[in-house]
Amino acid sequence: MTDDQLKSMEKEVRKLKRIASEWASQLHDLVEDKLPAGYEELPGIAQSTYDACKAWADAEKAFRAASG
């Protein structure tokens, strides 16, 4: 794998980590500020947070395998 490809993968990992952190923040805000009244929002935000974290974890694993 070329250096440019590795840099591109690393950039994607950082982007996905930022997105996962943003979803985690939304989940935290829901728990801290809106529950129990906002309980109907919980499944959607939780699923989006899970999906974003999974995408980051998969990209991180692929990057480590490619660079290791």
PDB file of N, CA and C in Angstrom:
ATOM      1  N   MET A   1       0.853  -1.172   0.000  1.00  0.00           N
ATOM      2  CA  MET A   1       0.000   0.000   0.000  1.00  0.00           C
ATOM      3  C   MET A   1       0.903   1.241   0.000  1.00  0.00           C
ATOM      4  N   THR A   2       0.522   2.234  -0.767  1.00  0.00           N
ATOM      5  CA  THR A   2       1.339   3.439  -0.885  1.00  0.00           C
ATOM      6  C   THR A   2       1.125   4.360   0.311  1.00  0.00           C
ATOM      7  N   ASP A   3       2.045   5.285   0.476  1.00  0.00           N
ATOM      8  CA  ASP A   3       1.911   6.274   1.555  1.00  0.00           C
ATOM      9  C   ASP A   3       0.654   7.110   1.385  1.00  0.00           C
ATOM     10  N   ASP A   4       0.331   7.462   0.153  1.00  0.00           N
ATOM     11  CA  ASP A   4      -0.880   8.253  -0.092  1.00  0.00           C
ATOM     12  C   ASP A   4      -2.140   7.491   0.290  1.00  0.00           C
ATOM     13  N   GLN A   5      -2.149   6.201   0.002  1.00  0.00           N
ATOM     14  CA  GLN A   5      -3.308   5.380   0.376  1.00  0.00           C
ATOM     15  C   GLN A   5      -3.430   5.271   1.894  1.00  0.00           C
ATOM     16  N   LEU A   6      -2.305   5.103   2.569  1.00  0.00           N
ATOM     17  CA  LEU A   6      -2.326   5.035   4.035  1.00  0.00           C
ATOM     18  C   LEU A   6      -2.786   6.358   4.635  1.00  0.00           C
ATOM     19  N   LYS A   7      -2.300   7.464   4.084  1.00  0.00           N
ATOM     20  CA  LYS A   7      -2.726   8.776   4.577  1.00  0.00           C
ATOM     21  C   LYS A   7      -4.215   8.978   4.365  1.00  0.00           C
ATOM     22  N   SER A   8      -4.723   8.515   3.237  1.00  0.00           N
ATOM     23  CA  SER A   8      -6.148   8.617   2.957  1.00  0.00           C
ATOM     24  C   SER A   8      -6.957   7.778   3.940  1.00  0.00           C
ATOM     25  N   MET A   9      -6.475   6.576   4.225  1.00  0.00           N
ATOM     26  CA  MET A   9      -7.155   5.720   5.203  1.00  0.00           C
ATOM     27  C   MET A   9      -7.138   6.359   6.586  1.00  0.00           C
ATOM     28  N   GLU A  10      -5.994   6.918   6.956  1.00  0.00           N
ATOM     29  CA  GLU A  10      -5.875   7.557   8.264  1.00  0.00           C
ATOM     30  C   GLU A  10      -6.823   8.744   8.378  1.00  0.00           C
ATOM     31  N   LYS A  11      -6.935   9.515   7.310  1.00  0.00           N
ATOM     32  CA  LYS A  11      -7.853  10.664   7.290  1.00  0.00           C
ATOM     33  C   LYS A  11      -9.296  10.191   7.458  1.00  0.00           C
ATOM     34  N   GLU A  12      -9.642   9.096   6.793  1.00  0.00           N
ATOM     35  CA  GLU A  12     -10.987   8.544   6.905  1.00  0.00           C
ATOM     36  C   GLU A  12     -11.260   8.058   8.330  1.00  0.00           C
ATOM     37  N   VAL A  13     -10.275   7.430   8.955  1.00  0.00           N
ATOM     38  CA  VAL A  13     -10.419   6.973  10.340  1.00  0.00           C
ATOM     39  C   VAL A  13     -10.684   8.163  11.255  1.00  0.00           C
ATOM     40  N   ARG A  14      -9.922   9.238  11.072  1.00  0.00           N
ATOM     41  CA  ARG A  14     -10.127  10.437  11.910  1.00  0.00           C
ATOM     42  C   ARG A  14     -11.518  11.024  11.692  1.00  0.00           C
ATOM     43  N   LYS A  15     -11.967  11.057  10.440  1.00  0.00           N
ATOM     44  CA  LYS A  15     -13.303  11.584  10.130  1.00  0.00           C
ATOM     45  C   LYS A  15     -14.379  10.728  10.799  1.00  0.00           C
ATOM     46  N   LEU A  16     -14.256   9.408  10.682  1.00  0.00           N
ATOM     47  CA  LEU A  16     -15.252   8.520  11.276  1.00  0.00           C
ATOM     48  C   LEU A  16     -15.241   8.598  12.799  1.00  0.00           C
ATOM     49  N   LYS A  17     -14.073   8.813  13.381  1.00  0.00           N
ATOM     50  CA  LYS A  17     -13.993   8.968  14.835  1.00  0.00           C
ATOM     51  C   LYS A  17     -14.704  10.245  15.273  1.00  0.00           C
ATOM     52  N   ARG A  18     -14.539  11.315  14.498  1.00  0.00           N
ATOM     53  CA  ARG A  18     -15.218  12.578  14.808  1.00  0.00           C
ATOM     54  C   ARG A  18     -16.726  12.398  14.731  1.00  0.00           C
ATOM     55  N   ILE A  19     -17.187  11.716  13.694  1.00  0.00           N
ATOM     56  CA  ILE A  19     -18.625  11.482  13.541  1.00  0.00           C
ATOM     57  C   ILE A  19     -19.155  10.635  14.696  1.00  0.00           C
ATOM     58  N   ALA A  20     -18.427   9.596  15.069  1.00  0.00           N
ATOM     59  CA  ALA A  20     -18.847   8.753  16.195  1.00  0.00           C
ATOM     60  C   ALA A  20     -18.906   9.567  17.487  1.00  0.00           C
ATOM     61  N   SER A  21     -17.944  10.443  17.674  1.00  0.00           N
ATOM     62  CA  SER A  21     -17.930  11.293  18.871  1.00  0.00           C
ATOM     63  C   SER A  21     -19.115  12.251  18.881  1.00  0.00           C
ATOM     64  N   GLU A  22     -19.490  12.753  17.724  1.00  0.00           N
ATOM     65  CA  GLU A  22     -20.647  13.646  17.647  1.00  0.00           C
ATOM     66  C   GLU A  22     -21.932  12.907  18.012  1.00  0.00           C
ATOM     67  N   TRP A  23     -22.084  11.681  17.507  1.00  0.00           N
ATOM     68  CA  TRP A  23     -23.256  10.888  17.877  1.00  0.00           C
ATOM     69  C   TRP A  23     -23.250  10.546  19.361  1.00  0.00           C
ATOM     70  N   ALA A  24     -22.080  10.213  19.892  1.00  0.00           N
ATOM     71  CA  ALA A  24     -21.981   9.915  21.325  1.00  0.00           C
ATOM     72  C   ALA A  24     -22.373  11.133  22.150  1.00  0.00           C
ATOM     73  N   SER A  25     -22.001  12.300  21.683  1.00  0.00           N
ATOM     74  CA  SER A  25     -22.367  13.533  22.381  1.00  0.00           C
ATOM     75  C   SER A  25     -23.877  13.742  22.365  1.00  0.00           C
ATOM     76  N   GLN A  26     -24.494  13.461  21.224  1.00  0.00           N
ATOM     77  CA  GLN A  26     -25.954  13.584  21.159  1.00  0.00           C
ATOM     78  C   GLN A  26     -26.632  12.602  22.107  1.00  0.00           C
ATOM     79  N   LEU A  27     -26.106  11.397  22.169  1.00  0.00           N
ATOM     80  CA  LEU A  27     -26.657  10.392  23.083  1.00  0.00           C
ATOM     81  C   LEU A  27     -26.491  10.848  24.532  1.00  0.00           C
ATOM     82  N   HIS A  28     -25.326  11.369  24.850  1.00  0.00           N
ATOM     83  CA  HIS A  28     -25.069  11.880  26.202  1.00  0.00           C
ATOM     84  C   HIS A  28     -26.029  13.008  26.543  1.00  0.00           C
ATOM     85  N   ASP A  29     -26.213  13.937  25.607  1.00  0.00           N
ATOM     86  CA  ASP A  29     -27.130  15.054  25.849  1.00  0.00           C
ATOM     87  C   ASP A  29     -28.555  14.564  26.067  1.00  0.00           C
ATOM     88  N   LEU A  30     -28.964  13.567  25.305  1.00  0.00           N
ATOM     89  CA  LEU A  30     -30.301  13.004  25.482  1.00  0.00           C
ATOM     90  C   LEU A  30     -30.452  12.433  26.884  1.00  0.00           C
ATOM     91  N   VAL A  31     -29.479  11.661  27.307  1.00  0.00           N
ATOM     92  CA  VAL A  31     -29.536  11.037  28.628  1.00  0.00           C
ATOM     93  C   VAL A  31     -29.520  12.098  29.726  1.00  0.00           C
ATOM     94  N   GLU A  32     -28.660  13.070  29.592  1.00  0.00           N
ATOM     95  CA  GLU A  32     -28.507  14.084  30.635  1.00  0.00           C
ATOM     96  C   GLU A  32     -29.666  15.077  30.690  1.00  0.00           C
ATOM     97  N   ASP A  33     -30.203  15.453  29.524  1.00  0.00           N
ATOM     98  CA  ASP A  33     -31.128  16.583  29.483  1.00  0.00           C
ATOM     99  C   ASP A  33     -32.577  16.244  29.157  1.00  0.00           C
ATOM    100  N   LYS A  34     -32.820  15.140  28.471  1.00  0.00           N
ATOM    101  CA  LYS A  34     -34.166  14.926  27.945  1.00  0.00           C
ATOM    102  C   LYS A  34     -34.900  13.724  28.520  1.00  0.00           C
ATOM    103  N   LEU A  35     -34.197  12.810  29.146  1.00  0.00           N
ATOM    104  CA  LEU A  35     -34.879  11.643  29.695  1.00  0.00           C
ATOM    105  C   LEU A  35     -35.494  11.969  31.042  1.00  0.00           C
ATOM    106  N   PRO A  36     -36.587  11.421  31.407  1.00  0.00           N
ATOM    107  CA  PRO A  36     -37.309  10.366  30.728  1.00  0.00           C
ATOM    108  C   PRO A  36     -38.271  10.856  29.631  1.00  0.00           C
ATOM    109  N   ALA A  37     -38.553  12.146  29.564  1.00  0.00           N
ATOM    110  CA  ALA A  37     -39.554  12.632  28.609  1.00  0.00           C
ATOM    111  C   ALA A  37     -39.176  12.348  27.158  1.00  0.00           C
ATOM    112  N   GLY A  38     -37.893  12.362  26.816  1.00  0.00           N
ATOM    113  CA  GLY A  38     -37.474  12.160  25.437  1.00  0.00           C
ATOM    114  C   GLY A  38     -37.143  10.722  25.092  1.00  0.00           C
ATOM    115  N   TYR A  39     -37.746   9.787  25.819  1.00  0.00           N
ATOM    116  CA  TYR A  39     -37.398   8.372  25.642  1.00  0.00           C
ATOM    117  C   TYR A  39     -37.610   7.869  24.220  1.00  0.00           C
ATOM    118  N   GLU A  40     -38.541   8.467  23.482  1.00  0.00           N
ATOM    119  CA  GLU A  40     -38.813   7.990  22.126  1.00  0.00           C
ATOM    120  C   GLU A  40     -37.644   8.262  21.174  1.00  0.00           C
ATOM    121  N   GLU A  41     -36.790   9.210  21.509  1.00  0.00           N
ATOM    122  CA  GLU A  41     -35.617   9.509  20.690  1.00  0.00           C
ATOM    123  C   GLU A  41     -34.485   8.505  20.914  1.00  0.00           C
ATOM    124  N   LEU A  42     -34.533   7.803  22.005  1.00  0.00           N
ATOM    125  CA  LEU A  42     -33.431   6.919  22.410  1.00  0.00           C
ATOM    126  C   LEU A  42     -33.071   5.840  21.378  1.00  0.00           C
ATOM    127  N   PRO A  43     -34.030   5.077  20.853  1.00  0.00           N
ATOM    128  CA  PRO A  43     -33.629   4.020  19.902  1.00  0.00           C
ATOM    129  C   PRO A  43     -32.907   4.559  18.662  1.00  0.00           C
ATOM    130  N   GLY A  44     -33.384   5.633  18.089  1.00  0.00           N
ATOM    131  CA  GLY A  44     -32.772   6.179  16.880  1.00  0.00           C
ATOM    132  C   GLY A  44     -31.373   6.704  17.116  1.00  0.00           C
ATOM    133  N   ILE A  45     -31.213   7.462  18.184  1.00  0.00           N
ATOM    134  CA  ILE A  45     -29.892   8.021  18.490  1.00  0.00           C
ATOM    135  C   ILE A  45     -28.932   6.911  18.913  1.00  0.00           C
ATOM    136  N   ALA A  46     -29.419   5.960  19.674  1.00  0.00           N
ATOM    137  CA  ALA A  46     -28.562   4.844  20.088  1.00  0.00           C
ATOM    138  C   ALA A  46     -28.097   4.039  18.870  1.00  0.00           C
ATOM    139  N   GLN A  47     -28.989   3.765  17.926  1.00  0.00           N
ATOM    140  CA  GLN A  47     -28.618   3.002  16.735  1.00  0.00           C
ATOM    141  C   GLN A  47     -27.625   3.779  15.876  1.00  0.00           C
ATOM    142  N   SER A  48     -27.853   5.069  15.713  1.00  0.00           N
ATOM    143  CA  SER A  48     -26.931   5.894  14.931  1.00  0.00           C
ATOM    144  C   SER A  48     -25.561   5.962  15.591  1.00  0.00           C
ATOM    145  N   THR A  49     -25.543   6.029  16.912  1.00  0.00           N
ATOM    146  CA  THR A  49     -24.274   6.050  17.644  1.00  0.00           C
ATOM    147  C   THR A  49     -23.549   4.722  17.464  1.00  0.00           C
ATOM    148  N   TYR A  50     -24.270   3.633  17.594  1.00  0.00           N
ATOM    149  CA  TYR A  50     -23.682   2.307  17.395  1.00  0.00           C
ATOM    150  C   TYR A  50     -23.108   2.173  15.986  1.00  0.00           C
ATOM    151  N   ASP A  51     -23.895   2.569  14.995  1.00  0.00           N
ATOM    152  CA  ASP A  51     -23.459   2.449  13.602  1.00  0.00           C
ATOM    153  C   ASP A  51     -22.204   3.275  13.339  1.00  0.00           C
ATOM    154  N   ALA A  52     -22.156   4.489  13.877  1.00  0.00           N
ATOM    155  CA  ALA A  52     -20.995   5.357  13.688  1.00  0.00           C
ATOM    156  C   ALA A  52     -19.763   4.778  14.381  1.00  0.00           C
ATOM    157  N   CYS A  53     -19.944   4.244  15.572  1.00  0.00           N
ATOM    158  CA  CYS A  53     -18.820   3.641  16.296  1.00  0.00           C
ATOM    159  C   CYS A  53     -18.324   2.388  15.582  1.00  0.00           C
ATOM    160  N   LYS A  54     -19.234   1.598  15.044  1.00  0.00           N
ATOM    161  CA  LYS A  54     -18.861   0.394  14.307  1.00  0.00           C
ATOM    162  C   LYS A  54     -18.092   0.752  13.037  1.00  0.00           C
ATOM    163  N   ALA A  55     -18.547   1.779  12.331  1.00  0.00           N
ATOM    164  CA  ALA A  55     -17.849   2.219  11.116  1.00  0.00           C
ATOM    165  C   ALA A  55     -16.433   2.665  11.451  1.00  0.00           C
ATOM    166  N   TRP A  56     -16.289   3.413  12.551  1.00  0.00           N
ATOM    167  CA  TRP A  56     -14.955   3.841  12.979  1.00  0.00           C
ATOM    168  C   TRP A  56     -14.089   2.629  13.339  1.00  0.00           C
ATOM    169  N   ALA A  57     -14.638   1.701  14.105  1.00  0.00           N
ATOM    170  CA  ALA A  57     -13.863   0.532  14.540  1.00  0.00           C
ATOM    171  C   ALA A  57     -13.411  -0.305  13.349  1.00  0.00           C
ATOM    172  N   ASP A  58     -14.289  -0.481  12.371  1.00  0.00           N
ATOM    173  CA  ASP A  58     -13.924  -1.250  11.177  1.00  0.00           C
ATOM    174  C   ASP A  58     -12.821  -0.551  10.388  1.00  0.00           C
ATOM    175  N   ALA A  59     -12.940   0.766  10.234  1.00  0.00           N
ATOM    176  CA  ALA A  59     -11.928   1.532   9.500  1.00  0.00           C
ATOM    177  C   ALA A  59     -10.601   1.529  10.245  1.00  0.00           C
ATOM    178  N   GLU A  60     -10.651   1.647  11.554  1.00  0.00           N
ATOM    179  CA  GLU A  60      -9.435   1.632  12.379  1.00  0.00           C
ATOM    180  C   GLU A  60      -8.725   0.279  12.252  1.00  0.00           C
ATOM    181  N   LYS A  61      -9.504  -0.790  12.288  1.00  0.00           N
ATOM    182  CA  LYS A  61      -8.934  -2.130  12.163  1.00  0.00           C
ATOM    183  C   LYS A  61      -8.279  -2.312  10.790  1.00  0.00           C
ATOM    184  N   ALA A  62      -8.940  -1.857   9.744  1.00  0.00           N
ATOM    185  CA  ALA A  62      -8.379  -1.968   8.395  1.00  0.00           C
ATOM    186  C   ALA A  62      -7.117  -1.136   8.253  1.00  0.00           C
ATOM    187  N   PHE A  63      -7.118   0.057   8.849  1.00  0.00           N
ATOM    188  CA  PHE A  63      -5.941   0.915   8.785  1.00  0.00           C
ATOM    189  C   PHE A  63      -4.765   0.270   9.503  1.00  0.00           C
ATOM    190  N   ARG A  64      -5.005  -0.266  10.682  1.00  0.00           N
ATOM    191  CA  ARG A  64      -3.932  -0.932  11.440  1.00  0.00           C
ATOM    192  C   ARG A  64      -3.361  -2.128  10.676  1.00  0.00           C
ATOM    193  N   ALA A  65      -4.269  -2.890  10.047  1.00  0.00           N
ATOM    194  CA  ALA A  65      -3.804  -4.043   9.271  1.00  0.00           C
ATOM    195  C   ALA A  65      -2.975  -3.604   8.076  1.00  0.00           C
ATOM    196  N   ALA A  66      -3.379  -2.522   7.444  1.00  0.00           N
ATOM    197  CA  ALA A  66      -2.651  -2.039   6.259  1.00  0.00           C
ATOM    198  C   ALA A  66      -1.318  -1.393   6.613  1.00  0.00           C
ATOM    199  N   SER A  67      -1.261  -0.776   7.774  1.00  0.00           N
ATOM    200  CA  SER A  67      -0.040  -0.043   8.141  1.00  0.00           C
ATOM    201  C   SER A  67       0.892  -0.858   9.018  1.00  0.00           C
ATOM    202  N   GLY A  68       0.425  -1.977   9.503  1.00  0.00           N
ATOM    203  CA  GLY A  68       1.211  -2.755  10.428  1.00  0.00           C
ATOM    204  C   GLY A  68       2.098  -3.724   9.766  1.00  0.00           C
TER     205      GLY A  68
END
